[in-house]
Amino acid sequence: MEALDGNAIAGTLMAVFGHEMTTETGTCANCGTRCVVAEFGVYLRGPGIVARCRTCDSVVMVFVEVREIMCVDLRGLAALDPA
């Protein structure tokens, strides 16, 4: 499965966070790499959406919709800083 970039989930991020998030800086909790959310590797073809660090391939964000409720897991991020 080929990864898209973080821009592929701009609408989901807007729905969850209420503002533009692709320009925010995320820090991978595994390797410490800092990059804008738009640079994460995103996979859409699963039961949910998975965003991975491009450096170490660790999962940084997971979005799963269950019964019209969006469940968000950000455990893979050490930080998420405004642009």
PDB file of N, CA and C in Angstrom:
ATOM      1  N   MET A   1       0.842  -1.165   0.000  1.00  0.00           N
ATOM      2  CA  MET A   1       0.000   0.000   0.000  1.00  0.00           C
ATOM      3  C   MET A   1       0.899   1.243   0.000  1.00  0.00           C
ATOM      4  N   GLU A   2       0.612   2.158  -0.871  1.00  0.00           N
ATOM      5  CA  GLU A   2       1.419   3.373  -0.994  1.00  0.00           C
ATOM      6  C   GLU A   2       0.891   4.467  -0.065  1.00  0.00           C
ATOM      7  N   ALA A   3       1.807   5.144   0.599  1.00  0.00           N
ATOM      8  CA  ALA A   3       1.435   6.214   1.523  1.00  0.00           C
ATOM      9  C   ALA A   3       1.134   7.499   0.766  1.00  0.00           C
ATOM     10  N   LEU A   4       0.125   8.198   1.242  1.00  0.00           N
ATOM     11  CA  LEU A   4      -0.165   9.556   0.785  1.00  0.00           C
ATOM     12  C   LEU A   4       0.512  10.501   1.762  1.00  0.00           C
ATOM     13  N   ASP A   5       0.455  11.801   1.503  1.00  0.00           N
ATOM     14  CA  ASP A   5       0.995  12.722   2.491  1.00  0.00           C
ATOM     15  C   ASP A   5      -0.133  13.213   3.399  1.00  0.00           C
ATOM     16  N   GLY A   6       0.229  13.939   4.436  1.00  0.00           N
ATOM     17  CA  GLY A   6      -0.735  14.389   5.436  1.00  0.00           C
ATOM     18  C   GLY A   6      -1.835  15.287   4.907  1.00  0.00           C
ATOM     19  N   ASN A   7      -1.642  15.871   3.719  1.00  0.00           N
ATOM     20  CA  ASN A   7      -2.697  16.694   3.129  1.00  0.00           C
ATOM     21  C   ASN A   7      -3.942  15.866   2.813  1.00  0.00           C
ATOM     22  N   ALA A   8      -3.787  14.560   2.677  1.00  0.00           N
ATOM     23  CA  ALA A   8      -4.912  13.667   2.365  1.00  0.00           C
ATOM     24  C   ALA A   8      -5.938  13.617   3.503  1.00  0.00           C
ATOM     25  N   ILE A   9      -5.509  13.995   4.708  1.00  0.00           N
ATOM     26  CA  ILE A   9      -6.436  13.961   5.844  1.00  0.00           C
ATOM     27  C   ILE A   9      -6.753  15.365   6.376  1.00  0.00           C
ATOM     28  N   ALA A  10      -6.545  16.374   5.541  1.00  0.00           N
ATOM     29  CA  ALA A  10      -6.810  17.753   5.956  1.00  0.00           C
ATOM     30  C   ALA A  10      -8.249  17.934   6.436  1.00  0.00           C
ATOM     31  N   GLY A  11      -9.204  17.349   5.738  1.00  0.00           N
ATOM     32  CA  GLY A  11     -10.612  17.460   6.123  1.00  0.00           C
ATOM     33  C   GLY A  11     -10.903  16.772   7.447  1.00  0.00           C
ATOM     34  N   THR A  12     -10.341  15.603   7.648  1.00  0.00           N
ATOM     35  CA  THR A  12     -10.523  14.885   8.914  1.00  0.00           C
ATOM     36  C   THR A  12      -9.922  15.680  10.061  1.00  0.00           C
ATOM     37  N   LEU A  13      -8.712  16.212   9.855  1.00  0.00           N
ATOM     38  CA  LEU A  13      -8.067  17.014  10.888  1.00  0.00           C
ATOM     39  C   LEU A  13      -8.883  18.263  11.220  1.00  0.00           C
ATOM     40  N   MET A  14      -9.444  18.894  10.205  1.00  0.00           N
ATOM     41  CA  MET A  14     -10.284  20.077  10.407  1.00  0.00           C
ATOM     42  C   MET A  14     -11.524  19.713  11.219  1.00  0.00           C
ATOM     43  N   ALA A  15     -12.140  18.582  10.903  1.00  0.00           N
ATOM     44  CA  ALA A  15     -13.336  18.140  11.625  1.00  0.00           C
ATOM     45  C   ALA A  15     -13.035  17.828  13.085  1.00  0.00           C
ATOM     46  N   VAL A  16     -11.873  17.245  13.355  1.00  0.00           N
ATOM     47  CA  VAL A  16     -11.510  16.854  14.724  1.00  0.00           C
ATOM     48  C   VAL A  16     -11.015  18.040  15.541  1.00  0.00           C
ATOM     49  N   PHE A  17     -10.111  18.839  14.960  1.00  0.00           N
ATOM     50  CA  PHE A  17      -9.451  19.898  15.719  1.00  0.00           C
ATOM     51  C   PHE A  17     -10.063  21.284  15.523  1.00  0.00           C
ATOM     52  N   GLY A  18     -10.853  21.461  14.464  1.00  0.00           N
ATOM     53  CA  GLY A  18     -11.537  22.730  14.252  1.00  0.00           C
ATOM     54  C   GLY A  18     -10.728  23.814  13.575  1.00  0.00           C
ATOM     55  N   HIS A  19      -9.528  23.502  13.131  1.00  0.00           N
ATOM     56  CA  HIS A  19      -8.724  24.461  12.368  1.00  0.00           C
ATOM     57  C   HIS A  19      -7.689  23.720  11.525  1.00  0.00           C
ATOM     58  N   GLU A  20      -7.026  24.446  10.648  1.00  0.00           N
ATOM     59  CA  GLU A  20      -6.023  23.879   9.750  1.00  0.00           C
ATOM     60  C   GLU A  20      -4.896  23.249  10.562  1.00  0.00           C
ATOM     61  N   MET A  21      -4.630  21.968  10.322  1.00  0.00           N
ATOM     62  CA  MET A  21      -3.619  21.242  11.095  1.00  0.00           C
ATOM     63  C   MET A  21      -2.430  20.758  10.267  1.00  0.00           C
ATOM     64  N   THR A  22      -2.515  20.812   8.949  1.00  0.00           N
ATOM     65  CA  THR A  22      -1.432  20.249   8.138  1.00  0.00           C
ATOM     66  C   THR A  22      -0.141  21.047   8.256  1.00  0.00           C
ATOM     67  N   THR A  23      -0.215  22.274   8.743  1.00  0.00           N
ATOM     68  CA  THR A  23       0.984  23.095   8.915  1.00  0.00           C
ATOM     69  C   THR A  23       1.519  23.063  10.345  1.00  0.00           C
ATOM     70  N   GLU A  24       0.840  22.337  11.231  1.00  0.00           N
ATOM     71  CA  GLU A  24       1.322  22.177  12.607  1.00  0.00           C
ATOM     72  C   GLU A  24       2.553  21.274  12.596  1.00  0.00           C
ATOM     73  N   THR A  25       3.409  21.408  13.587  1.00  0.00           N
ATOM     74  CA  THR A  25       4.613  20.587  13.672  1.00  0.00           C
ATOM     75  C   THR A  25       4.399  19.454  14.668  1.00  0.00           C
ATOM     76  N   GLY A  26       4.582  18.229  14.200  1.00  0.00           N
ATOM     77  CA  GLY A  26       4.465  17.057  15.059  1.00  0.00           C
ATOM     78  C   GLY A  26       5.841  16.483  15.361  1.00  0.00           C
ATOM     79  N   THR A  27       6.004  15.996  16.583  1.00  0.00           N
ATOM     80  CA  THR A  27       7.254  15.357  16.986  1.00  0.00           C
ATOM     81  C   THR A  27       6.984  13.889  17.255  1.00  0.00           C
ATOM     82  N   CYS A  28       7.675  13.015  16.544  1.00  0.00           N
ATOM     83  CA  CYS A  28       7.504  11.572  16.716  1.00  0.00           C
ATOM     84  C   CYS A  28       7.982  11.163  18.105  1.00  0.00           C
ATOM     85  N   ALA A  29       7.161  10.446  18.836  1.00  0.00           N
ATOM     86  CA  ALA A  29       7.519   9.987  20.175  1.00  0.00           C
ATOM     87  C   ALA A  29       8.585   8.899  20.131  1.00  0.00           C
ATOM     88  N   ASN A  30       8.738   8.225  19.001  1.00  0.00           N
ATOM     89  CA  ASN A  30       9.710   7.145  18.899  1.00  0.00           C
ATOM     90  C   ASN A  30      11.114   7.651  18.574  1.00  0.00           C
ATOM     91  N   CYS A  31      11.246   8.466  17.521  1.00  0.00           N
ATOM     92  CA  CYS A  31      12.582   8.874  17.071  1.00  0.00           C
ATOM     93  C   CYS A  31      12.898  10.351  17.278  1.00  0.00           C
ATOM     94  N   GLY A  32      11.876  11.145  17.613  1.00  0.00           N
ATOM     95  CA  GLY A  32      12.102  12.566  17.861  1.00  0.00           C
ATOM     96  C   GLY A  32      12.106  13.449  16.635  1.00  0.00           C
ATOM     97  N   THR A  33      11.848  12.886  15.460  1.00  0.00           N
ATOM     98  CA  THR A  33      11.802  13.685  14.238  1.00  0.00           C
ATOM     99  C   THR A  33      10.672  14.694  14.325  1.00  0.00           C
ATOM    100  N   ARG A  34      10.976  15.946  13.949  1.00  0.00           N
ATOM    101  CA  ARG A  34       9.971  17.007  13.906  1.00  0.00           C
ATOM    102  C   ARG A  34       9.690  17.343  12.446  1.00  0.00           C
ATOM    103  N   CYS A  35       8.407  17.370  12.081  1.00  0.00           N
ATOM    104  CA  CYS A  35       8.015  17.770  10.733  1.00  0.00           C
ATOM    105  C   CYS A  35       6.572  18.239  10.762  1.00  0.00           C
ATOM    106  N   VAL A  36       6.170  18.935   9.705  1.00  0.00           N
ATOM    107  CA  VAL A  36       4.780  19.364   9.629  1.00  0.00           C
ATOM    108  C   VAL A  36       3.898  18.148   9.364  1.00  0.00           C
ATOM    109  N   VAL A  37       2.673  18.211   9.829  1.00  0.00           N
ATOM    110  CA  VAL A  37       1.728  17.105   9.691  1.00  0.00           C
ATOM    111  C   VAL A  37       1.555  16.712   8.218  1.00  0.00           C
ATOM    112  N   ALA A  38       1.652  17.674   7.314  1.00  0.00           N
ATOM    113  CA  ALA A  38       1.516  17.389   5.883  1.00  0.00           C
ATOM    114  C   ALA A  38       2.574  16.425   5.376  1.00  0.00           C
ATOM    115  N   GLU A  39       3.680  16.260   6.108  1.00  0.00           N
ATOM    116  CA  GLU A  39       4.754  15.365   5.685  1.00  0.00           C
ATOM    117  C   GLU A  39       4.637  13.946   6.240  1.00  0.00           C
ATOM    118  N   PHE A  40       3.663  13.685   7.113  1.00  0.00           N
ATOM    119  CA  PHE A  40       3.468  12.333   7.615  1.00  0.00           C
ATOM    120  C   PHE A  40       3.045  11.417   6.470  1.00  0.00           C
ATOM    121  N   GLY A  41       3.375  10.145   6.571  1.00  0.00           N
ATOM    122  CA  GLY A  41       2.881   9.159   5.615  1.00  0.00           C
ATOM    123  C   GLY A  41       1.503   8.703   6.067  1.00  0.00           C
ATOM    124  N   VAL A  42       0.506   8.806   5.208  1.00  0.00           N
ATOM    125  CA  VAL A  42      -0.884   8.515   5.581  1.00  0.00           C
ATOM    126  C   VAL A  42      -1.407   7.328   4.782  1.00  0.00           C
ATOM    127  N   TYR A  43      -2.069   6.437   5.496  1.00  0.00           N
ATOM    128  CA  TYR A  43      -2.675   5.243   4.900  1.00  0.00           C
ATOM    129  C   TYR A  43      -4.173   5.280   5.166  1.00  0.00           C
ATOM    130  N   LEU A  44      -4.953   5.241   4.107  1.00  0.00           N
ATOM    131  CA  LEU A  44      -6.409   5.367   4.215  1.00  0.00           C
ATOM    132  C   LEU A  44      -7.145   4.052   4.046  1.00  0.00           C
ATOM    133  N   ARG A  45      -6.485   3.008   3.593  1.00  0.00           N
ATOM    134  CA  ARG A  45      -7.161   1.777   3.211  1.00  0.00           C
ATOM    135  C   ARG A  45      -7.202   0.749   4.328  1.00  0.00           C
ATOM    136  N   GLY A  46      -7.745   1.100   5.442  1.00  0.00           N
ATOM    137  CA  GLY A  46      -7.883   0.174   6.559  1.00  0.00           C
ATOM    138  C   GLY A  46      -9.194   0.473   7.265  1.00  0.00           C
ATOM    139  N   PRO A  47      -9.378  -0.095   8.414  1.00  0.00           N
ATOM    140  CA  PRO A  47     -10.594   0.216   9.156  1.00  0.00           C
ATOM    141  C   PRO A  47     -10.590   1.645   9.684  1.00  0.00           C
ATOM    142  N   GLY A  48      -9.445   2.311   9.582  1.00  0.00           N
ATOM    143  CA  GLY A  48      -9.325   3.702  10.009  1.00  0.00           C
ATOM    144  C   GLY A  48      -8.231   4.370   9.205  1.00  0.00           C
ATOM    145  N   ILE A  49      -7.835   5.554   9.652  1.00  0.00           N
ATOM    146  CA  ILE A  49      -6.765   6.316   9.009  1.00  0.00           C
ATOM    147  C   ILE A  49      -5.542   6.227   9.910  1.00  0.00           C
ATOM    148  N   VAL A  50      -4.387   5.920   9.322  1.00  0.00           N
ATOM    149  CA  VAL A  50      -3.143   5.818  10.079  1.00  0.00           C
ATOM    150  C   VAL A  50      -2.124   6.782   9.482  1.00  0.00           C
ATOM    151  N   ALA A  51      -1.501   7.599  10.345  1.00  0.00           N
ATOM    152  CA  ALA A  51      -0.418   8.483   9.926  1.00  0.00           C
ATOM    153  C   ALA A  51       0.865   7.981  10.577  1.00  0.00           C
ATOM    154  N   ARG A  52       1.928   7.885   9.772  1.00  0.00           N
ATOM    155  CA  ARG A  52       3.202   7.356  10.258  1.00  0.00           C
ATOM    156  C   ARG A  52       4.326   8.371  10.058  1.00  0.00           C
ATOM    157  N   CYS A  53       5.317   8.268  10.908  1.00  0.00           N
ATOM    158  CA  CYS A  53       6.542   9.055  10.789  1.00  0.00           C
ATOM    159  C   CYS A  53       7.284   8.589   9.541  1.00  0.00           C
ATOM    160  N   ARG A  54       7.733   9.509   8.714  1.00  0.00           N
ATOM    161  CA  ARG A  54       8.458   9.145   7.486  1.00  0.00           C
ATOM    162  C   ARG A  54       9.881   8.671   7.792  1.00  0.00           C
ATOM    163  N   THR A  55      10.407   8.999   8.975  1.00  0.00           N
ATOM    164  CA  THR A  55      11.775   8.614   9.324  1.00  0.00           C
ATOM    165  C   THR A  55      11.850   7.194   9.866  1.00  0.00           C
ATOM    166  N   CYS A  56      11.005   6.873  10.868  1.00  0.00           N
ATOM    167  CA  CYS A  56      11.109   5.556  11.524  1.00  0.00           C
ATOM    168  C   CYS A  56       9.898   4.660  11.274  1.00  0.00           C
ATOM    169  N   ASP A  57       8.885   5.166  10.580  1.00  0.00           N
ATOM    170  CA  ASP A  57       7.670   4.427  10.232  1.00  0.00           C
ATOM    171  C   ASP A  57       6.774   4.105  11.429  1.00  0.00           C
ATOM    172  N   SER A  58       7.006   4.737  12.567  1.00  0.00           N
ATOM    173  CA  SER A  58       6.133   4.529  13.735  1.00  0.00           C
ATOM    174  C   SER A  58       4.780   5.203  13.510  1.00  0.00           C
ATOM    175  N   VAL A  59       3.750   4.627  14.081  1.00  0.00           N
ATOM    176  CA  VAL A  59       2.412   5.216  14.013  1.00  0.00           C
ATOM    177  C   VAL A  59       2.382   6.445  14.917  1.00  0.00           C
ATOM    178  N   VAL A  60       1.985   7.591  14.352  1.00  0.00           N
ATOM    179  CA  VAL A  60       1.907   8.814  15.147  1.00  0.00           C
ATOM    180  C   VAL A  60       0.466   9.257  15.395  1.00  0.00           C
ATOM    181  N   MET A  61      -0.443   8.943  14.480  1.00  0.00           N
ATOM    182  CA  MET A  61      -1.854   9.318  14.627  1.00  0.00           C
ATOM    183  C   MET A  61      -2.744   8.207  14.066  1.00  0.00           C
ATOM    184  N   VAL A  62      -3.864   7.964  14.750  1.00  0.00           N
ATOM    185  CA  VAL A  62      -4.857   7.007  14.254  1.00  0.00           C
ATOM    186  C   VAL A  62      -6.236   7.642  14.426  1.00  0.00           C
ATOM    187  N   PHE A  63      -7.054   7.551  13.384  1.00  0.00           N
ATOM    188  CA  PHE A  63      -8.429   8.053  13.412  1.00  0.00           C
ATOM    189  C   PHE A  63      -9.350   6.921  12.979  1.00  0.00           C
ATOM    190  N   VAL A  64     -10.323   6.596  13.828  1.00  0.00           N
ATOM    191  CA  VAL A  64     -11.289   5.545  13.508  1.00  0.00           C
ATOM    192  C   VAL A  64     -12.671   6.070  13.871  1.00  0.00           C
ATOM    193  N   GLU A  65     -13.599   5.968  12.923  1.00  0.00           N
ATOM    194  CA  GLU A  65     -14.978   6.389  13.205  1.00  0.00           C
ATOM    195  C   GLU A  65     -15.796   5.161  13.595  1.00  0.00           C
ATOM    196  N   VAL A  66     -16.399   5.230  14.786  1.00  0.00           N
ATOM    197  CA  VAL A  66     -17.210   4.146  15.317  1.00  0.00           C
ATOM    198  C   VAL A  66     -18.571   4.721  15.694  1.00  0.00           C
ATOM    199  N   ARG A  67     -19.593   4.237  15.045  1.00  0.00           N
ATOM    200  CA  ARG A  67     -20.969   4.687  15.314  1.00  0.00           C
ATOM    201  C   ARG A  67     -21.075   6.211  15.322  1.00  0.00           C
ATOM    202  N   GLU A  68     -20.522   6.826  14.273  1.00  0.00           N
ATOM    203  CA  GLU A  68     -20.562   8.272  14.065  1.00  0.00           C
ATOM    204  C   GLU A  68     -19.763   9.070  15.095  1.00  0.00           C
ATOM    205  N   ILE A  69     -18.873   8.414  15.825  1.00  0.00           N
ATOM    206  CA  ILE A  69     -17.984   9.084  16.775  1.00  0.00           C
ATOM    207  C   ILE A  69     -16.552   8.871  16.292  1.00  0.00           C
ATOM    208  N   MET A  70     -15.814   9.974  16.127  1.00  0.00           N
ATOM    209  CA  MET A  70     -14.428   9.871  15.688  1.00  0.00           C
ATOM    210  C   MET A  70     -13.528   9.630  16.898  1.00  0.00           C
ATOM    211  N   CYS A  71     -12.857   8.488  16.893  1.00  0.00           N
ATOM    212  CA  CYS A  71     -11.914   8.137  17.955  1.00  0.00           C
ATOM    213  C   CYS A  71     -10.516   8.490  17.459  1.00  0.00           C
ATOM    214  N   VAL A  72      -9.753   9.201  18.290  1.00  0.00           N
ATOM    215  CA  VAL A  72      -8.445   9.707  17.897  1.00  0.00           C
ATOM    216  C   VAL A  72      -7.389   9.197  18.871  1.00  0.00           C
ATOM    217  N   ASP A  73      -6.297   8.666  18.334  1.00  0.00           N
ATOM    218  CA  ASP A  73      -5.171   8.205  19.147  1.00  0.00           C
ATOM    219  C   ASP A  73      -3.933   8.963  18.694  1.00  0.00           C
ATOM    220  N   LEU A  74      -3.384   9.777  19.588  1.00  0.00           N
ATOM    221  CA  LEU A  74      -2.196  10.569  19.288  1.00  0.00           C
ATOM    222  C   LEU A  74      -0.995  10.137  20.129  1.00  0.00           C
ATOM    223  N   ARG A  75      -1.033   8.917  20.658  1.00  0.00           N
ATOM    224  CA  ARG A  75       0.057   8.444  21.523  1.00  0.00           C
ATOM    225  C   ARG A  75       1.414   8.430  20.848  1.00  0.00           C
ATOM    226  N   GLY A  76       1.437   8.376  19.528  1.00  0.00           N
ATOM    227  CA  GLY A  76       2.701   8.344  18.815  1.00  0.00           C
ATOM    228  C   GLY A  76       3.368   9.702  18.662  1.00  0.00           C
ATOM    229  N   LEU A  77       2.687  10.745  19.141  1.00  0.00           N
ATOM    230  CA  LEU A  77       3.250  12.091  19.069  1.00  0.00           C
ATOM    231  C   LEU A  77       3.774  12.507  20.441  1.00  0.00           C
ATOM    232  N   ALA A  78       5.013  12.989  20.478  1.00  0.00           N
ATOM    233  CA  ALA A  78       5.549  13.550  21.717  1.00  0.00           C
ATOM    234  C   ALA A  78       5.055  14.977  21.885  1.00  0.00           C
ATOM    235  N   ALA A  79       4.786  15.655  20.754  1.00  0.00           N
ATOM    236  CA  ALA A  79       4.294  17.039  20.779  1.00  0.00           C
ATOM    237  C   ALA A  79       3.586  17.340  19.470  1.00  0.00           C
ATOM    238  N   LEU A  80       2.673  18.289  19.532  1.00  0.00           N
ATOM    239  CA  LEU A  80       1.985  18.813  18.346  1.00  0.00           C
ATOM    240  C   LEU A  80       1.924  20.318  18.550  1.00  0.00           C
ATOM    241  N   ASP A  81       2.783  21.030  17.840  1.00  0.00           N
ATOM    242  CA  ASP A  81       2.966  22.479  18.045  1.00  0.00           C
ATOM    243  C   ASP A  81       2.351  23.286  16.922  1.00  0.00           C
ATOM    244  N   PRO A  82       1.775  24.451  17.250  1.00  0.00           N
ATOM    245  CA  PRO A  82       1.197  25.320  16.236  1.00  0.00           C
ATOM    246  C   PRO A  82       2.238  25.801  15.225  1.00  0.00           C
ATOM    247  N   ALA A  83       1.759  26.118  14.043  1.00  0.00           N
ATOM    248  CA  ALA A  83       2.649  26.610  12.968  1.00  0.00           C
ATOM    249  C   ALA A  83       3.239  27.957  13.342  1.00  0.00           C
TER     250      ALA A  83
END
